[in-house]
Amino acid sequence: MIKTWQKRSPEEANLFNPAFISSLIYEFSKEFKKHKSAAAPIVFVPMMLAAILHEKTRKRLPHSTVTSLYQWLQDNEDLKIGFSDRCIGILPYSKESIMFGMCRSTLVFDNGYGIGTGEVKAHFPASFIQNTTAETKEIIDRTKFMARWLAKSGSEASIMGAWGVKP
C-alpha cells in the first residue's frame, strides 16, 4: 500500500513524485513508439523504472542498443538479484504516476494494454534539463535508452523472462 503524500519521507516524495515519474513514462512511451511504431506495453513501465532508478543498474546499462539485452543480462546477472522485488516495490508508484498522467491528459491507454502519450506534452523542457542535477539528467537519458532498447529486443514475454520478472 502506498503512503499518503504527507507520510512520505522527503527522499521518497522527491524520487517517486508522480509528476516526475509520469514525465519519465511519457518520455519512455514517446521514444518506444518512435522506434517500434507501437505503444509501449504497460508491463514495461515498472521494469524500466526499477532499472533506471536503481543507481547500480542505471550506471551499468550499455550506451548503445547494438548491445544485446540478453547478452548484457547474462554478463550482469548480479543486477537481476532483487530486480523483481524492485519491480513489485515500484508498482504502486507506477500506478499512481500513470493515473496522474492520465488525469492530466499526458498519458493514455493505447491498444488495450499499451501506454501512449496523450494530447498534453509532459516532456522535460530544455530549461529544466539545463538546471537540474547530473543524476536527474542521467535518469532521463537512461529512460529514453531503455525505450529504444526494449523496443528492439523482442517480445514482452521474452524480455520479462530475461529480467526474471513475471507479469
Foldseek 3Di string as FASTA:
>chain_A
DDDPLVPDDPVCCVLLPLLLLLQLQALLQVLLCVQQVFFAFLLCSLLLCLQLVPVVNLVLDDPDLVDAPLVSCVVPVVVLVCSQVSSVVCVVSSVSSQVVCVVVQQWDDDPNRGIHGGPDHSYQDPVNLVPDDPSSVSSSVSSSVVSNNVSPHDDPVVNCVSSVYDD
